[in-house]
Amino acid sequence: MLIQVRAYFTEKATVLGWTGAGGYFTAEALESFLGMALTGIMLISSVAMNWQKYQALQNEERRKEELHRRAMEEPKKDID
């Protein structure tokens, strides 16, 4: 009877150990994958943010040029 109890717990401990090891390695792989995915997302968002800033600066420069062009086209009024 004692041998059967020991064999039962030995078998269950082995199954539990393999399950725990499998879970651990799965979690490690998932963590690595999520880390790579988040790094990629951060790089893409950084590029997108800098592109947006670049576009905003270009639009601001175009607006200034347009205002300057309009100011140059308006006829000068003489103040006498």
PDB file of N, CA and C in Angstrom:
ATOM      1  N   MET A   1       0.824  -1.198   0.000  1.00  0.00           N
ATOM      2  CA  MET A   1       0.000   0.000   0.000  1.00  0.00           C
ATOM      3  C   MET A   1       0.861   1.252   0.000  1.00  0.00           C
ATOM      4  N   LEU A   2       1.899   1.282   0.825  1.00  0.00           N
ATOM      5  CA  LEU A   2       2.783   2.440   0.902  1.00  0.00           C
ATOM      6  C   LEU A   2       3.524   2.655  -0.420  1.00  0.00           C
ATOM      7  N   ILE A   3       3.886   1.571  -1.071  1.00  0.00           N
ATOM      8  CA  ILE A   3       4.578   1.667  -2.357  1.00  0.00           C
ATOM      9  C   ILE A   3       3.636   2.248  -3.410  1.00  0.00           C
ATOM     10  N   GLN A   4       2.372   1.876  -3.366  1.00  0.00           N
ATOM     11  CA  GLN A   4       1.403   2.403  -4.323  1.00  0.00           C
ATOM     12  C   GLN A   4       1.197   3.901  -4.096  1.00  0.00           C
ATOM     13  N   VAL A   5       1.167   4.313  -2.842  1.00  0.00           N
ATOM     14  CA  VAL A   5       1.002   5.738  -2.530  1.00  0.00           C
ATOM     15  C   VAL A   5       2.217   6.521  -3.020  1.00  0.00           C
ATOM     16  N   ARG A   6       3.424   5.985  -2.760  1.00  0.00           N
ATOM     17  CA  ARG A   6       4.637   6.661  -3.219  1.00  0.00           C
ATOM     18  C   ARG A   6       4.675   6.722  -4.745  1.00  0.00           C
ATOM     19  N   ALA A   7       4.312   5.648  -5.403  1.00  0.00           N
ATOM     20  CA  ALA A   7       4.302   5.618  -6.868  1.00  0.00           C
ATOM     21  C   ALA A   7       3.299   6.635  -7.416  1.00  0.00           C
ATOM     22  N   TYR A   8       2.140   6.734  -6.775  1.00  0.00           N
ATOM     23  CA  TYR A   8       1.120   7.701  -7.203  1.00  0.00           C
ATOM     24  C   TYR A   8       1.675   9.124  -7.111  1.00  0.00           C
ATOM     25  N   PHE A   9       2.241   9.481  -5.948  1.00  0.00           N
ATOM     26  CA  PHE A   9       2.749  10.837  -5.770  1.00  0.00           C
ATOM     27  C   PHE A   9       3.975  11.109  -6.632  1.00  0.00           C
ATOM     28  N   THR A  10       4.787  10.107  -6.859  1.00  0.00           N
ATOM     29  CA  THR A  10       5.947  10.272  -7.739  1.00  0.00           C
ATOM     30  C   THR A  10       5.491  10.560  -9.164  1.00  0.00           C
ATOM     31  N   GLU A  11       4.481   9.815  -9.612  1.00  0.00           N
ATOM     32  CA  GLU A  11       3.963  10.035 -10.962  1.00  0.00           C
ATOM     33  C   GLU A  11       3.325  11.406 -11.082  1.00  0.00           C
ATOM     34  N   LYS A  12       2.504  11.792 -10.097  1.00  0.00           N
ATOM     35  CA  LYS A  12       1.830  13.087 -10.148  1.00  0.00           C
ATOM     36  C   LYS A  12       2.832  14.227 -10.024  1.00  0.00           C
ATOM     37  N   ALA A  13       3.877  14.062  -9.215  1.00  0.00           N
ATOM     38  CA  ALA A  13       4.897  15.097  -9.088  1.00  0.00           C
ATOM     39  C   ALA A  13       5.634  15.277 -10.411  1.00  0.00           C
ATOM     40  N   THR A  14       5.888  14.169 -11.113  1.00  0.00           N
ATOM     41  CA  THR A  14       6.557  14.253 -12.407  1.00  0.00           C
ATOM     42  C   THR A  14       5.679  14.983 -13.416  1.00  0.00           C
ATOM     43  N   VAL A  15       4.409  14.639 -13.443  1.00  0.00           N
ATOM     44  CA  VAL A  15       3.470  15.317 -14.353  1.00  0.00           C
ATOM     45  C   VAL A  15       3.388  16.795 -14.004  1.00  0.00           C
ATOM     46  N   LEU A  16       3.293  17.103 -12.716  1.00  0.00           N
ATOM     47  CA  LEU A  16       3.225  18.498 -12.281  1.00  0.00           C
ATOM     48  C   LEU A  16       4.511  19.237 -12.640  1.00  0.00           C
ATOM     49  N   GLY A  17       5.643  18.551 -12.471  1.00  0.00           N
ATOM     50  CA  GLY A  17       6.927  19.172 -12.826  1.00  0.00           C
ATOM     51  C   GLY A  17       7.027  19.481 -14.301  1.00  0.00           C
ATOM     52  N   TRP A  18       6.640  18.501 -15.142  1.00  0.00           N
ATOM     53  CA  TRP A  18       6.679  18.746 -16.580  1.00  0.00           C
ATOM     54  C   TRP A  18       5.697  19.828 -16.992  1.00  0.00           C
ATOM     55  N   THR A  19       4.551  19.869 -16.358  1.00  0.00           N
ATOM     56  CA  THR A  19       3.566  20.904 -16.658  1.00  0.00           C
ATOM     57  C   THR A  19       4.109  22.275 -16.278  1.00  0.00           C
ATOM     58  N   GLY A  20       4.724  22.336 -15.106  1.00  0.00           N
ATOM     59  CA  GLY A  20       5.310  23.610 -14.671  1.00  0.00           C
ATOM     60  C   GLY A  20       6.436  24.057 -15.583  1.00  0.00           C
ATOM     61  N   ALA A  21       7.287  23.124 -15.986  1.00  0.00           N
ATOM     62  CA  ALA A  21       8.393  23.471 -16.886  1.00  0.00           C
ATOM     63  C   ALA A  21       7.862  23.930 -18.235  1.00  0.00           C
ATOM     64  N   GLY A  22       6.864  23.235 -18.738  1.00  0.00           N
ATOM     65  CA  GLY A  22       6.266  23.640 -20.015  1.00  0.00           C
ATOM     66  C   GLY A  22       5.619  25.013 -19.920  1.00  0.00           C
ATOM     67  N   GLY A  23       4.913  25.244 -18.818  1.00  0.00           N
ATOM     68  CA  GLY A  23       4.300  26.559 -18.606  1.00  0.00           C
ATOM     69  C   GLY A  23       5.334  27.659 -18.506  1.00  0.00           C
ATOM     70  N   TYR A  24       6.446  27.364 -17.823  1.00  0.00           N
ATOM     71  CA  TYR A  24       7.509  28.353 -17.667  1.00  0.00           C
ATOM     72  C   TYR A  24       8.120  28.711 -19.020  1.00  0.00           C
ATOM     73  N   PHE A  25       8.461  27.692 -19.810  1.00  0.00           N
ATOM     74  CA  PHE A  25       9.077  27.969 -21.102  1.00  0.00           C
ATOM     75  C   PHE A  25       8.093  28.642 -22.051  1.00  0.00           C
ATOM     76  N   THR A  26       6.818  28.312 -21.956  1.00  0.00           N
ATOM     77  CA  THR A  26       5.805  28.990 -22.768  1.00  0.00           C
ATOM     78  C   THR A  26       5.718  30.461 -22.385  1.00  0.00           C
ATOM     79  N   ALA A  27       5.725  30.723 -21.072  1.00  0.00           N
ATOM     80  CA  ALA A  27       5.669  32.113 -20.611  1.00  0.00           C
ATOM     81  C   ALA A  27       6.908  32.889 -21.045  1.00  0.00           C
ATOM     82  N   GLU A  28       8.078  32.254 -20.989  1.00  0.00           N
ATOM     83  CA  GLU A  28       9.309  32.917 -21.429  1.00  0.00           C
ATOM     84  C   GLU A  28       9.240  33.242 -22.920  1.00  0.00           C
ATOM     85  N   ALA A  29       8.762  32.294 -23.706  1.00  0.00           N
ATOM     86  CA  ALA A  29       8.658  32.532 -25.146  1.00  0.00           C
ATOM     87  C   ALA A  29       7.647  33.637 -25.432  1.00  0.00           C
ATOM     88  N   LEU A  30       6.525  33.619 -24.726  1.00  0.00           N
ATOM     89  CA  LEU A  30       5.509  34.650 -24.913  1.00  0.00           C
ATOM     90  C   LEU A  30       6.056  36.009 -24.517  1.00  0.00           C
ATOM     91  N   GLU A  31       6.800  36.062 -23.418  1.00  0.00           N
ATOM     92  CA  GLU A  31       7.386  37.328 -22.975  1.00  0.00           C
ATOM     93  C   GLU A  31       8.367  37.855 -24.015  1.00  0.00           C
ATOM     94  N   SER A  32       9.180  36.977 -24.569  1.00  0.00           N
ATOM     95  CA  SER A  32      10.127  37.389 -25.608  1.00  0.00           C
ATOM     96  C   SER A  32       9.387  37.901 -26.840  1.00  0.00           C
ATOM     97  N   PHE A  33       8.354  37.171 -27.248  1.00  0.00           N
ATOM     98  CA  PHE A  33       7.584  37.593 -28.418  1.00  0.00           C
ATOM     99  C   PHE A  33       6.912  38.939 -28.183  1.00  0.00           C
ATOM    100  N   LEU A  34       6.284  39.102 -27.009  1.00  0.00           N
ATOM    101  CA  LEU A  34       5.619  40.372 -26.719  1.00  0.00           C
ATOM    102  C   LEU A  34       6.629  41.511 -26.626  1.00  0.00           C
ATOM    103  N   GLY A  35       7.799  41.215 -26.087  1.00  0.00           N
ATOM    104  CA  GLY A  35       8.839  42.242 -26.032  1.00  0.00           C
ATOM    105  C   GLY A  35       9.251  42.697 -27.423  1.00  0.00           C
ATOM    106  N   MET A  36       9.425  41.745 -28.331  1.00  0.00           N
ATOM    107  CA  MET A  36       9.776  42.103 -29.708  1.00  0.00           C
ATOM    108  C   MET A  36       8.639  42.872 -30.379  1.00  0.00           C
ATOM    109  N   ALA A  37       7.421  42.424 -30.151  1.00  0.00           N
ATOM    110  CA  ALA A  37       6.266  43.099 -30.765  1.00  0.00           C
ATOM    111  C   ALA A  37       6.138  44.530 -30.248  1.00  0.00           C
ATOM    112  N   LEU A  38       6.276  44.719 -28.952  1.00  0.00           N
ATOM    113  CA  LEU A  38       6.163  46.066 -28.396  1.00  0.00           C
ATOM    114  C   LEU A  38       7.312  46.958 -28.848  1.00  0.00           C
ATOM    115  N   THR A  39       8.496  46.389 -28.993  1.00  0.00           N
ATOM    116  CA  THR A  39       9.622  47.172 -29.507  1.00  0.00           C
ATOM    117  C   THR A  39       9.332  47.632 -30.935  1.00  0.00           C
ATOM    118  N   GLY A  40       8.808  46.742 -31.747  1.00  0.00           N
ATOM    119  CA  GLY A  40       8.444  47.111 -33.115  1.00  0.00           C
ATOM    120  C   GLY A  40       7.368  48.183 -33.151  1.00  0.00           C
ATOM    121  N   ILE A  41       6.380  48.047 -32.295  1.00  0.00           N
ATOM    122  CA  ILE A  41       5.302  49.043 -32.245  1.00  0.00           C
ATOM    123  C   ILE A  41       5.847  50.398 -31.810  1.00  0.00           C
ATOM    124  N   MET A  42       6.754  50.394 -30.833  1.00  0.00           N
ATOM    125  CA  MET A  42       7.343  51.652 -30.373  1.00  0.00           C
ATOM    126  C   MET A  42       8.169  52.311 -31.483  1.00  0.00           C
ATOM    127  N   LEU A  43       8.908  51.510 -32.243  1.00  0.00           N
ATOM    128  CA  LEU A  43       9.680  52.072 -33.349  1.00  0.00           C
ATOM    129  C   LEU A  43       8.768  52.671 -34.418  1.00  0.00           C
ATOM    130  N   ILE A  44       7.715  51.953 -34.754  1.00  0.00           N
ATOM    131  CA  ILE A  44       6.785  52.445 -35.768  1.00  0.00           C
ATOM    132  C   ILE A  44       6.098  53.721 -35.303  1.00  0.00           C
ATOM    133  N   SER A  45       5.677  53.760 -34.043  1.00  0.00           N
ATOM    134  CA  SER A  45       5.007  54.963 -33.542  1.00  0.00           C
ATOM    135  C   SER A  45       5.970  56.135 -33.466  1.00  0.00           C
ATOM    136  N   SER A  46       7.241  55.876 -33.151  1.00  0.00           N
ATOM    137  CA  SER A  46       8.235  56.943 -33.114  1.00  0.00           C
ATOM    138  C   SER A  46       8.455  57.527 -34.509  1.00  0.00           C
ATOM    139  N   VAL A  47       8.561  56.649 -35.504  1.00  0.00           N
ATOM    140  CA  VAL A  47       8.729  57.126 -36.881  1.00  0.00           C
ATOM    141  C   VAL A  47       7.499  57.919 -37.312  1.00  0.00           C
ATOM    142  N   ALA A  48       6.317  57.425 -36.982  1.00  0.00           N
ATOM    143  CA  ALA A  48       5.082  58.124 -37.356  1.00  0.00           C
ATOM    144  C   ALA A  48       5.000  59.490 -36.678  1.00  0.00           C
ATOM    145  N   MET A  49       5.377  59.565 -35.411  1.00  0.00           N
ATOM    146  CA  MET A  49       5.323  60.836 -34.701  1.00  0.00           C
ATOM    147  C   MET A  49       6.301  61.842 -35.307  1.00  0.00           C
ATOM    148  N   ASN A  50       7.518  61.395 -35.627  1.00  0.00           N
ATOM    149  CA  ASN A  50       8.490  62.302 -36.229  1.00  0.00           C
ATOM    150  C   ASN A  50       8.068  62.722 -37.628  1.00  0.00           C
ATOM    151  N   TRP A  51       7.436  61.832 -38.371  1.00  0.00           N
ATOM    152  CA  TRP A  51       6.926  62.186 -39.697  1.00  0.00           C
ATOM    153  C   TRP A  51       5.828  63.241 -39.572  1.00  0.00           C
ATOM    154  N   GLN A  52       4.975  63.093 -38.555  1.00  0.00           N
ATOM    155  CA  GLN A  52       3.919  64.076 -38.336  1.00  0.00           C
ATOM    156  C   GLN A  52       4.518  65.443 -37.992  1.00  0.00           C
ATOM    157  N   LYS A  53       5.554  65.462 -37.154  1.00  0.00           N
ATOM    158  CA  LYS A  53       6.214  66.727 -36.823  1.00  0.00           C
ATOM    159  C   LYS A  53       6.831  67.354 -38.074  1.00  0.00           C
ATOM    160  N   TYR A  54       7.451  66.527 -38.906  1.00  0.00           N
ATOM    161  CA  TYR A  54       8.057  67.013 -40.134  1.00  0.00           C
ATOM    162  C   TYR A  54       7.002  67.622 -41.058  1.00  0.00           C
ATOM    163  N   GLN A  55       5.860  66.943 -41.200  1.00  0.00           N
ATOM    164  CA  GLN A  55       4.777  67.459 -42.028  1.00  0.00           C
ATOM    165  C   GLN A  55       4.236  68.772 -41.471  1.00  0.00           C
ATOM    166  N   ALA A  56       4.119  68.865 -40.147  1.00  0.00           N
ATOM    167  CA  ALA A  56       3.625  70.094 -39.525  1.00  0.00           C
ATOM    168  C   ALA A  56       4.580  71.257 -39.794  1.00  0.00           C
ATOM    169  N   LEU A  57       5.882  70.995 -39.706  1.00  0.00           N
ATOM    170  CA  LEU A  57       6.856  72.057 -40.003  1.00  0.00           C
ATOM    171  C   LEU A  57       6.786  72.475 -41.463  1.00  0.00           C
ATOM    172  N   GLN A  58       6.619  71.523 -42.369  1.00  0.00           N
ATOM    173  CA  GLN A  58       6.490  71.865 -43.790  1.00  0.00           C
ATOM    174  C   GLN A  58       5.228  72.687 -44.039  1.00  0.00           C
ATOM    175  N   ASN A  59       4.119  72.295 -43.417  1.00  0.00           N
ATOM    176  CA  ASN A  59       2.870  73.043 -43.600  1.00  0.00           C
ATOM    177  C   ASN A  59       2.994  74.457 -43.044  1.00  0.00           C
ATOM    178  N   GLU A  60       3.655  74.599 -41.914  1.00  0.00           N
ATOM    179  CA  GLU A  60       3.840  75.933 -41.331  1.00  0.00           C
ATOM    180  C   GLU A  60       4.689  76.809 -42.254  1.00  0.00           C
ATOM    181  N   GLU A  61       5.733  76.222 -42.831  1.00  0.00           N
ATOM    182  CA  GLU A  61       6.580  76.971 -43.767  1.00  0.00           C
ATOM    183  C   GLU A  61       5.792  77.375 -45.004  1.00  0.00           C
ATOM    184  N   ARG A  62       4.958  76.481 -45.505  1.00  0.00           N
ATOM    185  CA  ARG A  62       4.123  76.820 -46.666  1.00  0.00           C
ATOM    186  C   ARG A  62       3.143  77.941 -46.349  1.00  0.00           C
ATOM    187  N   ARG A  63       2.555  77.894 -45.144  1.00  0.00           N
ATOM    188  CA  ARG A  63       1.630  78.965 -44.748  1.00  0.00           C
ATOM    189  C   ARG A  63       2.349  80.305 -44.687  1.00  0.00           C
ATOM    190  N   LYS A  64       3.550  80.323 -44.135  1.00  0.00           N
ATOM    191  CA  LYS A  64       4.316  81.572 -44.053  1.00  0.00           C
ATOM    192  C   LYS A  64       4.648  82.102 -45.450  1.00  0.00           C
ATOM    193  N   GLU A  65       5.059  81.205 -46.341  1.00  0.00           N
ATOM    194  CA  GLU A  65       5.353  81.619 -47.708  1.00  0.00           C
ATOM    195  C   GLU A  65       4.110  82.164 -48.406  1.00  0.00           C
ATOM    196  N   GLU A  66       2.973  81.528 -48.189  1.00  0.00           N
ATOM    197  CA  GLU A  66       1.720  81.988 -48.801  1.00  0.00           C
ATOM    198  C   GLU A  66       1.322  83.361 -48.266  1.00  0.00           C
ATOM    199  N   LEU A  67       1.448  83.547 -46.959  1.00  0.00           N
ATOM    200  CA  LEU A  67       1.128  84.865 -46.384  1.00  0.00           C
ATOM    201  C   LEU A  67       2.079  85.934 -46.913  1.00  0.00           C
ATOM    202  N   HIS A  68       3.347  85.594 -47.046  1.00  0.00           N
ATOM    203  CA  HIS A  68       4.319  86.545 -47.573  1.00  0.00           C
ATOM    204  C   HIS A  68       4.002  86.877 -49.031  1.00  0.00           C
ATOM    205  N   ARG A  69       3.648  85.846 -49.807  1.00  0.00           N
ATOM    206  CA  ARG A  69       3.299  86.077 -51.215  1.00  0.00           C
ATOM    207  C   ARG A  69       2.069  86.962 -51.336  1.00  0.00           C
ATOM    208  N   ARG A  70       1.065  86.723 -50.507  1.00  0.00           N
ATOM    209  CA  ARG A  70      -0.144  87.559 -50.551  1.00  0.00           C
ATOM    210  C   ARG A  70       0.157  88.994 -50.138  1.00  0.00           C
ATOM    211  N   ALA A  71       1.024  89.146 -49.149  1.00  0.00           N
ATOM    212  CA  ALA A  71       1.377  90.494 -48.706  1.00  0.00           C
ATOM    213  C   ALA A  71       2.131  91.239 -49.803  1.00  0.00           C
ATOM    214  N   MET A  72       2.937  90.528 -50.575  1.00  0.00           N
ATOM    215  CA  MET A  72       3.688  91.176 -51.651  1.00  0.00           C
ATOM    216  C   MET A  72       2.785  91.526 -52.822  1.00  0.00           C
ATOM    217  N   GLU A  73       1.685  90.777 -53.021  1.00  0.00           N
ATOM    218  CA  GLU A  73       0.779  91.044 -54.150  1.00  0.00           C
ATOM    219  C   GLU A  73      -0.165  92.200 -53.873  1.00  0.00           C
ATOM    220  N   GLU A  74      -0.444  92.495 -52.627  1.00  0.00           N
ATOM    221  CA  GLU A  74      -1.372  93.574 -52.318  1.00  0.00           C
ATOM    222  C   GLU A  74      -0.758  94.909 -52.722  1.00  0.00           C
ATOM    223  N   PRO A  75      -1.588  95.772 -53.308  1.00  0.00           N
ATOM    224  CA  PRO A  75      -1.041  97.078 -53.679  1.00  0.00           C
ATOM    225  C   PRO A  75      -0.740  97.918 -52.429  1.00  0.00           C
ATOM    226  N   LYS A  76       0.339  98.664 -52.507  1.00  0.00           N
ATOM    227  CA  LYS A  76       0.717  99.515 -51.398  1.00  0.00           C
ATOM    228  C   LYS A  76      -0.171 100.734 -51.381  1.00  0.00           C
ATOM    229  N   LYS A  77      -0.617 101.117 -50.212  1.00  0.00           N
ATOM    230  CA  LYS A  77      -1.449 102.311 -50.072  1.00  0.00           C
ATOM    231  C   LYS A  77      -0.550 103.452 -49.590  1.00  0.00           C
ATOM    232  N   ASP A  78      -0.602 104.553 -50.332  1.00  0.00           N
ATOM    233  CA  ASP A  78       0.185 105.709 -49.919  1.00  0.00           C
ATOM    234  C   ASP A  78      -0.548 106.462 -48.840  1.00  0.00           C
ATOM    235  N   ILE A  79       0.166 106.789 -47.820  1.00  0.00           N
ATOM    236  CA  ILE A  79      -0.438 107.558 -46.733  1.00  0.00           C
ATOM    237  C   ILE A  79       0.073 108.987 -46.874  1.00  0.00           C
ATOM    238  N   ASP A  80      -0.804 109.875 -47.360  1.00  0.00           N
ATOM    239  CA  ASP A  80      -0.440 111.308 -47.537  1.00  0.00           C
ATOM    240  C   ASP A  80      -1.426 112.168 -46.828  1.00  0.00           C
TER     241      ASP A  80
END
